[in-house]
């Protein structure tokens, strides 16, 4: 699995912004200037460029998301910094409460 080439999301999003949405480039520069984009950065870029999705598309996309350990730690750190409970965190990131509890049990014990 480590032989797979890494996807260059910076280049993909830069091309999309240059060709289709040059007016939104200023909103996204802060994220695109980072050295490494996390899964949360990619989701945020997607929201900024394409705007809110309809409910059906959003539900479909939610089922197919995957998170790296680094992204999971970012989400759990966000919970600590903002003093959120599992339900509030799940609502904010559109996750299941059970997923949040599972991550906390696996990574914070």
C-alpha atoms as a PDB file:
ATOM      1  CA  UNK A   1       0.000   0.000   0.000  1.00  0.00           C
ATOM      2  CA  UNK A   2       2.937   2.361   0.554  1.00  0.00           C
ATOM      3  CA  UNK A   3       3.833   2.031  -3.148  1.00  0.00           C
ATOM      4  CA  UNK A   4       0.814   4.098  -4.165  1.00  0.00           C
ATOM      5  CA  UNK A   5       1.631   7.617  -5.336  1.00  0.00           C
ATOM      6  CA  UNK A   6       0.524  10.407  -3.021  1.00  0.00           C
ATOM      7  CA  UNK A   7      -2.251  12.609  -4.373  1.00  0.00           C
ATOM      8  CA  UNK A   8      -1.185  16.214  -4.867  1.00  0.00           C
ATOM      9  CA  UNK A   9      -4.294  18.012  -3.602  1.00  0.00           C
ATOM     10  CA  UNK A  10      -2.565  21.389  -3.741  1.00  0.00           C
ATOM     11  CA  UNK A  11      -2.105  21.081  -7.469  1.00  0.00           C
ATOM     12  CA  UNK A  12      -5.638  19.791  -8.028  1.00  0.00           C
ATOM     13  CA  UNK A  13      -7.263  22.619  -6.069  1.00  0.00           C
ATOM     14  CA  UNK A  14      -4.918  25.235  -7.571  1.00  0.00           C
ATOM     15  CA  UNK A  15      -5.866  24.104 -11.078  1.00  0.00           C
ATOM     16  CA  UNK A  16      -9.578  24.200 -10.217  1.00  0.00           C
ATOM     17  CA  UNK A  17      -9.209  27.700  -8.794  1.00  0.00           C
ATOM     18  CA  UNK A  18      -7.163  28.950 -11.756  1.00  0.00           C
ATOM     19  CA  UNK A  19      -9.468  27.555 -14.421  1.00  0.00           C
ATOM     20  CA  UNK A  20     -12.978  27.641 -12.954  1.00  0.00           C
ATOM     21  CA  UNK A  21     -13.090  29.821  -9.830  1.00  0.00           C
ATOM     22  CA  UNK A  22     -10.416  32.557  -9.974  1.00  0.00           C
ATOM     23  CA  UNK A  23     -12.662  34.801  -7.847  1.00  0.00           C
ATOM     24  CA  UNK A  24     -12.437  32.349  -4.902  1.00  0.00           C
ATOM     25  CA  UNK A  25      -8.648  32.024  -4.957  1.00  0.00           C
ATOM     26  CA  UNK A  26      -8.136  34.657  -2.231  1.00  0.00           C
ATOM     27  CA  UNK A  27     -10.368  32.707   0.187  1.00  0.00           C
ATOM     28  CA  UNK A  28      -8.286  29.559  -0.258  1.00  0.00           C
ATOM     29  CA  UNK A  29      -4.716  30.882  -0.286  1.00  0.00           C
ATOM     30  CA  UNK A  30      -4.252  30.473   3.473  1.00  0.00           C
ATOM     31  CA  UNK A  31      -4.903  26.749   3.264  1.00  0.00           C
ATOM     32  CA  UNK A  32      -3.058  26.204  -0.024  1.00  0.00           C
ATOM     33  CA  UNK A  33       0.101  27.818   1.398  1.00  0.00           C
ATOM     34  CA  UNK A  34       0.508  24.989   3.933  1.00  0.00           C
ATOM     35  CA  UNK A  35       3.228  22.395   3.296  1.00  0.00           C
ATOM     36  CA  UNK A  36       0.968  19.400   3.925  1.00  0.00           C
ATOM     37  CA  UNK A  37      -2.794  19.390   3.600  1.00  0.00           C
ATOM     38  CA  UNK A  38      -4.694  17.315   6.139  1.00  0.00           C
ATOM     39  CA  UNK A  39      -8.045  15.684   5.454  1.00  0.00           C
ATOM     40  CA  UNK A  40      -9.706  18.547   7.330  1.00  0.00           C
ATOM     41  CA  UNK A  41      -7.948  21.104   5.111  1.00  0.00           C
ATOM     42  CA  UNK A  42      -9.172  19.308   2.008  1.00  0.00           C
ATOM     43  CA  UNK A  43     -12.752  19.260   3.301  1.00  0.00           C
ATOM     44  CA  UNK A  44     -12.522  22.980   4.130  1.00  0.00           C
ATOM     45  CA  UNK A  45     -11.156  23.794   0.655  1.00  0.00           C
ATOM     46  CA  UNK A  46     -13.987  21.824  -0.904  1.00  0.00           C
ATOM     47  CA  UNK A  47     -16.537  23.836   1.101  1.00  0.00           C
ATOM     48  CA  UNK A  48     -14.932  27.167   0.216  1.00  0.00           C
ATOM     49  CA  UNK A  49     -14.735  26.420  -3.501  1.00  0.00           C
ATOM     50  CA  UNK A  50     -17.951  24.545  -4.195  1.00  0.00           C
ATOM     51  CA  UNK A  51     -20.155  25.911  -1.406  1.00  0.00           C
ATOM     52  CA  UNK A  52     -22.724  23.968   0.600  1.00  0.00           C
ATOM     53  CA  UNK A  53     -23.971  20.693  -0.823  1.00  0.00           C
ATOM     54  CA  UNK A  54     -27.537  19.499  -0.970  1.00  0.00           C
ATOM     55  CA  UNK A  55     -28.540  17.019   1.723  1.00  0.00           C
ATOM     56  CA  UNK A  56     -28.475  13.917  -0.467  1.00  0.00           C
ATOM     57  CA  UNK A  57     -24.984  14.597  -1.829  1.00  0.00           C
ATOM     58  CA  UNK A  58     -23.718  15.484   1.635  1.00  0.00           C
ATOM     59  CA  UNK A  59     -25.016  12.205   3.089  1.00  0.00           C
ATOM     60  CA  UNK A  60     -23.457  10.198   0.266  1.00  0.00           C
ATOM     61  CA  UNK A  61     -20.086  11.922   0.673  1.00  0.00           C
ATOM     62  CA  UNK A  62     -20.143  11.459   4.437  1.00  0.00           C
ATOM     63  CA  UNK A  63     -20.301   7.689   4.066  1.00  0.00           C
ATOM     64  CA  UNK A  64     -17.129   7.663   1.991  1.00  0.00           C
ATOM     65  CA  UNK A  65     -14.869   9.848   4.118  1.00  0.00           C
ATOM     66  CA  UNK A  66     -11.815   8.414   5.752  1.00  0.00           C
ATOM     67  CA  UNK A  67      -9.545  10.065   8.275  1.00  0.00           C
ATOM     68  CA  UNK A  68      -5.839   9.658   8.941  1.00  0.00           C
ATOM     69  CA  UNK A  69      -4.555   9.378  12.495  1.00  0.00           C
ATOM     70  CA  UNK A  70      -3.254  12.928  12.216  1.00  0.00           C
ATOM     71  CA  UNK A  71      -6.730  14.189  11.243  1.00  0.00           C
ATOM     72  CA  UNK A  72      -8.327  12.255  14.081  1.00  0.00           C
ATOM     73  CA  UNK A  73      -5.912  13.854  16.549  1.00  0.00           C
ATOM     74  CA  UNK A  74      -6.725  17.281  15.085  1.00  0.00           C
ATOM     75  CA  UNK A  75     -10.434  16.648  15.600  1.00  0.00           C
ATOM     76  CA  UNK A  76      -9.921  15.422  19.166  1.00  0.00           C
ATOM     77  CA  UNK A  77      -7.679  18.429  19.911  1.00  0.00           C
ATOM     78  CA  UNK A  78     -10.407  20.701  18.563  1.00  0.00           C
ATOM     79  CA  UNK A  79     -12.768  19.090  21.054  1.00  0.00           C
ATOM     80  CA  UNK A  80     -10.400  19.806  23.963  1.00  0.00           C
ATOM     81  CA  UNK A  81      -9.653  23.388  22.896  1.00  0.00           C
ATOM     82  CA  UNK A  82     -13.316  24.278  22.481  1.00  0.00           C
ATOM     83  CA  UNK A  83     -14.537  22.204  25.446  1.00  0.00           C
ATOM     84  CA  UNK A  84     -17.096  20.291  23.408  1.00  0.00           C
ATOM     85  CA  UNK A  85     -18.789  17.057  24.375  1.00  0.00           C
ATOM     86  CA  UNK A  86     -18.953  14.129  21.948  1.00  0.00           C
ATOM     87  CA  UNK A  87     -22.361  15.122  20.584  1.00  0.00           C
ATOM     88  CA  UNK A  88     -21.297  18.699  19.867  1.00  0.00           C
ATOM     89  CA  UNK A  89     -18.079  17.558  18.198  1.00  0.00           C
ATOM     90  CA  UNK A  90     -19.936  15.002  16.099  1.00  0.00           C
ATOM     91  CA  UNK A  91     -22.430  17.635  14.962  1.00  0.00           C
ATOM     92  CA  UNK A  92     -19.672  20.113  14.088  1.00  0.00           C
ATOM     93  CA  UNK A  93     -17.705  17.654  11.927  1.00  0.00           C
ATOM     94  CA  UNK A  94     -20.775  15.710  10.746  1.00  0.00           C
ATOM     95  CA  UNK A  95     -19.662  12.486  12.402  1.00  0.00           C
ATOM     96  CA  UNK A  96     -21.449   9.870  14.426  1.00  0.00           C
ATOM     97  CA  UNK A  97     -21.238  10.137  18.228  1.00  0.00           C
ATOM     98  CA  UNK A  98     -20.182   6.504  18.196  1.00  0.00           C
ATOM     99  CA  UNK A  99     -17.275   7.293  15.872  1.00  0.00           C
ATOM    100  CA  UNK A 100     -16.066  10.028  18.224  1.00  0.00           C
ATOM    101  CA  UNK A 101     -16.338   7.712  21.239  1.00  0.00           C
ATOM    102  CA  UNK A 102     -14.487   4.962  19.362  1.00  0.00           C
ATOM    103  CA  UNK A 103     -11.665   7.338  18.410  1.00  0.00           C
ATOM    104  CA  UNK A 104     -11.353   8.594  21.983  1.00  0.00           C
ATOM    105  CA  UNK A 105     -11.201   5.062  23.323  1.00  0.00           C
ATOM    106  CA  UNK A 106      -8.633   3.983  20.731  1.00  0.00           C
ATOM    107  CA  UNK A 107      -6.337   7.019  20.702  1.00  0.00           C
ATOM    108  CA  UNK A 108      -6.668   8.712  24.081  1.00  0.00           C
ATOM    109  CA  UNK A 109      -6.605   5.784  26.507  1.00  0.00           C
END
